[in-house]
């Protein structure tokens, strides 16, 4: 390669690198100034105290794990009524109760339930 070709390729490389930097900078600026950013949406009302049964499965298929609260103790019904770890189940229920979504659209037609 000649010096002229190396210089041309170097200039092209610098221009491409600057383009990538500008593109990532403009995206981060538009994300930071978004009008809907930071607004959390509650997915569904949920009272952790009232939870008595948990079905864990995949989609609409039959549930693979069933947890039920009997006489104040959690049991794994799908595993011969084995005693469940109450601390883990209560932690799981609290996490479900605090689940929030992120509002990503501005059109009222998109969120008929929430609007």
C-alpha atoms as a PDB file:
ATOM      1  CA  UNK A   1       0.000   0.000   0.000  1.00  0.00           C
ATOM      2  CA  UNK A   2       1.122   3.466  -0.697  1.00  0.00           C
ATOM      3  CA  UNK A   3       1.136   6.327   1.808  1.00  0.00           C
ATOM      4  CA  UNK A   4      -1.720   7.979  -0.044  1.00  0.00           C
ATOM      5  CA  UNK A   5      -3.960   4.877   0.316  1.00  0.00           C
ATOM      6  CA  UNK A   6      -3.125   4.551   4.000  1.00  0.00           C
ATOM      7  CA  UNK A   7      -4.009   8.208   4.634  1.00  0.00           C
ATOM      8  CA  UNK A   8      -7.306   7.872   2.731  1.00  0.00           C
ATOM      9  CA  UNK A   9      -8.240   4.722   4.669  1.00  0.00           C
ATOM     10  CA  UNK A  10      -7.261   6.423   7.940  1.00  0.00           C
ATOM     11  CA  UNK A  11      -9.502   9.403   7.151  1.00  0.00           C
ATOM     12  CA  UNK A  12     -12.395   7.071   6.302  1.00  0.00           C
ATOM     13  CA  UNK A  13     -11.861   5.210   9.592  1.00  0.00           C
ATOM     14  CA  UNK A  14     -11.874   8.468  11.590  1.00  0.00           C
ATOM     15  CA  UNK A  15     -15.048   9.672   9.822  1.00  0.00           C
ATOM     16  CA  UNK A  16     -16.821   6.357  10.550  1.00  0.00           C
ATOM     17  CA  UNK A  17     -15.728   6.438  14.206  1.00  0.00           C
ATOM     18  CA  UNK A  18     -16.988  10.018  14.573  1.00  0.00           C
ATOM     19  CA  UNK A  19     -20.285   9.014  12.965  1.00  0.00           C
ATOM     20  CA  UNK A  20     -20.753   6.200  15.469  1.00  0.00           C
ATOM     21  CA  UNK A  21     -19.939   8.535  18.361  1.00  0.00           C
ATOM     22  CA  UNK A  22     -22.378  11.188  17.162  1.00  0.00           C
ATOM     23  CA  UNK A  23     -25.107   8.597  16.637  1.00  0.00           C
ATOM     24  CA  UNK A  24     -24.710   7.077  20.109  1.00  0.00           C
ATOM     25  CA  UNK A  25     -24.531  10.544  21.686  1.00  0.00           C
ATOM     26  CA  UNK A  26     -27.721  11.687  19.953  1.00  0.00           C
ATOM     27  CA  UNK A  27     -29.556   8.514  21.017  1.00  0.00           C
ATOM     28  CA  UNK A  28     -28.528   8.916  24.630  1.00  0.00           C
ATOM     29  CA  UNK A  29     -29.617  12.554  24.605  1.00  0.00           C
ATOM     30  CA  UNK A  30     -33.023  11.711  23.128  1.00  0.00           C
ATOM     31  CA  UNK A  31     -33.516   8.920  25.683  1.00  0.00           C
ATOM     32  CA  UNK A  32     -32.618  11.210  28.562  1.00  0.00           C
ATOM     33  CA  UNK A  33     -35.060  13.897  27.466  1.00  0.00           C
ATOM     34  CA  UNK A  34     -37.980  11.589  26.687  1.00  0.00           C
ATOM     35  CA  UNK A  35     -41.240  12.913  28.091  1.00  0.00           C
ATOM     36  CA  UNK A  36     -42.443   9.502  29.226  1.00  0.00           C
ATOM     37  CA  UNK A  37     -39.255   8.261  30.815  1.00  0.00           C
ATOM     38  CA  UNK A  38     -39.411   7.519  34.507  1.00  0.00           C
ATOM     39  CA  UNK A  39     -43.177   7.080  34.647  1.00  0.00           C
ATOM     40  CA  UNK A  40     -43.974   3.692  36.124  1.00  0.00           C
ATOM     41  CA  UNK A  41     -47.282   1.998  35.411  1.00  0.00           C
ATOM     42  CA  UNK A  42     -48.777  -0.551  37.763  1.00  0.00           C
ATOM     43  CA  UNK A  43     -49.525  -3.663  35.725  1.00  0.00           C
ATOM     44  CA  UNK A  44     -52.515  -4.808  37.785  1.00  0.00           C
ATOM     45  CA  UNK A  45     -53.802  -4.165  41.281  1.00  0.00           C
ATOM     46  CA  UNK A  46     -52.572  -6.881  43.626  1.00  0.00           C
ATOM     47  CA  UNK A  47     -52.899  -7.385  47.371  1.00  0.00           C
ATOM     48  CA  UNK A  48     -50.153  -9.759  48.622  1.00  0.00           C
ATOM     49  CA  UNK A  49     -52.093 -10.499  51.821  1.00  0.00           C
ATOM     50  CA  UNK A  50     -54.975 -12.069  49.892  1.00  0.00           C
ATOM     51  CA  UNK A  51     -52.774 -14.501  47.927  1.00  0.00           C
ATOM     52  CA  UNK A  52     -53.753 -18.092  48.679  1.00  0.00           C
ATOM     53  CA  UNK A  53     -52.761 -19.937  45.525  1.00  0.00           C
ATOM     54  CA  UNK A  54     -49.983 -19.558  42.968  1.00  0.00           C
ATOM     55  CA  UNK A  55     -49.945 -21.356  39.623  1.00  0.00           C
ATOM     56  CA  UNK A  56     -46.651 -21.302  37.776  1.00  0.00           C
ATOM     57  CA  UNK A  57     -46.666 -22.513  34.210  1.00  0.00           C
ATOM     58  CA  UNK A  58     -45.809 -21.625  30.682  1.00  0.00           C
ATOM     59  CA  UNK A  59     -48.335 -19.634  28.700  1.00  0.00           C
ATOM     60  CA  UNK A  60     -51.756 -21.218  28.415  1.00  0.00           C
ATOM     61  CA  UNK A  61     -50.441 -24.707  29.000  1.00  0.00           C
ATOM     62  CA  UNK A  62     -51.222 -26.653  32.113  1.00  0.00           C
ATOM     63  CA  UNK A  63     -49.472 -25.267  35.187  1.00  0.00           C
ATOM     64  CA  UNK A  64     -46.368 -27.156  36.218  1.00  0.00           C
ATOM     65  CA  UNK A  65     -46.136 -25.932  39.822  1.00  0.00           C
ATOM     66  CA  UNK A  66     -49.015 -25.175  42.146  1.00  0.00           C
ATOM     67  CA  UNK A  67     -48.464 -23.537  45.516  1.00  0.00           C
ATOM     68  CA  UNK A  68     -51.353 -23.281  47.974  1.00  0.00           C
ATOM     69  CA  UNK A  69     -51.713 -21.796  51.418  1.00  0.00           C
ATOM     70  CA  UNK A  70     -53.329 -24.211  53.861  1.00  0.00           C
ATOM     71  CA  UNK A  71     -53.770 -23.320  57.536  1.00  0.00           C
ATOM     72  CA  UNK A  72     -51.249 -20.490  57.212  1.00  0.00           C
ATOM     73  CA  UNK A  73     -48.513 -22.704  55.668  1.00  0.00           C
ATOM     74  CA  UNK A  74     -47.507 -22.796  52.010  1.00  0.00           C
ATOM     75  CA  UNK A  75     -47.486 -26.233  50.365  1.00  0.00           C
ATOM     76  CA  UNK A  76     -46.443 -27.424  46.926  1.00  0.00           C
ATOM     77  CA  UNK A  77     -49.627 -29.152  45.775  1.00  0.00           C
ATOM     78  CA  UNK A  78     -48.056 -30.473  42.594  1.00  0.00           C
ATOM     79  CA  UNK A  79     -45.365 -32.224  44.666  1.00  0.00           C
ATOM     80  CA  UNK A  80     -47.460 -34.355  47.034  1.00  0.00           C
ATOM     81  CA  UNK A  81     -48.286 -31.402  49.344  1.00  0.00           C
ATOM     82  CA  UNK A  82     -44.652 -30.908  50.295  1.00  0.00           C
ATOM     83  CA  UNK A  83     -43.998 -28.010  52.639  1.00  0.00           C
ATOM     84  CA  UNK A  84     -42.773 -24.922  50.752  1.00  0.00           C
ATOM     85  CA  UNK A  85     -40.155 -22.500  52.047  1.00  0.00           C
ATOM     86  CA  UNK A  86     -42.388 -19.774  53.498  1.00  0.00           C
ATOM     87  CA  UNK A  87     -39.675 -17.104  53.325  1.00  0.00           C
ATOM     88  CA  UNK A  88     -39.103 -17.653  49.601  1.00  0.00           C
ATOM     89  CA  UNK A  89     -42.808 -17.768  48.807  1.00  0.00           C
ATOM     90  CA  UNK A  90     -43.528 -14.567  50.745  1.00  0.00           C
ATOM     91  CA  UNK A  91     -40.560 -12.862  49.060  1.00  0.00           C
ATOM     92  CA  UNK A  92     -41.905 -13.967  45.673  1.00  0.00           C
ATOM     93  CA  UNK A  93     -45.379 -12.626  46.496  1.00  0.00           C
ATOM     94  CA  UNK A  94     -43.954  -9.276  47.596  1.00  0.00           C
ATOM     95  CA  UNK A  95     -42.016  -9.008  44.327  1.00  0.00           C
ATOM     96  CA  UNK A  96     -45.160  -9.748  42.318  1.00  0.00           C
ATOM     97  CA  UNK A  97     -46.983  -7.047  44.260  1.00  0.00           C
ATOM     98  CA  UNK A  98     -44.352  -4.462  43.382  1.00  0.00           C
ATOM     99  CA  UNK A  99     -44.130  -5.226  39.654  1.00  0.00           C
ATOM    100  CA  UNK A 100     -44.371  -2.114  37.512  1.00  0.00           C
ATOM    101  CA  UNK A 101     -44.175  -1.522  33.801  1.00  0.00           C
ATOM    102  CA  UNK A 102     -42.770   1.266  31.727  1.00  0.00           C
ATOM    103  CA  UNK A 103     -44.997   3.481  29.623  1.00  0.00           C
ATOM    104  CA  UNK A 104     -43.509   3.483  26.136  1.00  0.00           C
ATOM    105  CA  UNK A 105     -46.133   5.164  23.998  1.00  0.00           C
ATOM    106  CA  UNK A 106     -47.945   8.469  24.019  1.00  0.00           C
ATOM    107  CA  UNK A 107     -51.092   7.681  22.052  1.00  0.00           C
ATOM    108  CA  UNK A 108     -54.308   7.357  24.048  1.00  0.00           C
ATOM    109  CA  UNK A 109     -55.528   4.664  21.646  1.00  0.00           C
ATOM    110  CA  UNK A 110     -52.635   2.434  22.657  1.00  0.00           C
ATOM    111  CA  UNK A 111     -53.575   2.404  26.318  1.00  0.00           C
ATOM    112  CA  UNK A 112     -57.352   2.378  26.456  1.00  0.00           C
ATOM    113  CA  UNK A 113     -57.378   0.711  29.861  1.00  0.00           C
ATOM    114  CA  UNK A 114     -54.891   3.118  31.430  1.00  0.00           C
ATOM    115  CA  UNK A 115     -56.141   6.349  29.860  1.00  0.00           C
END
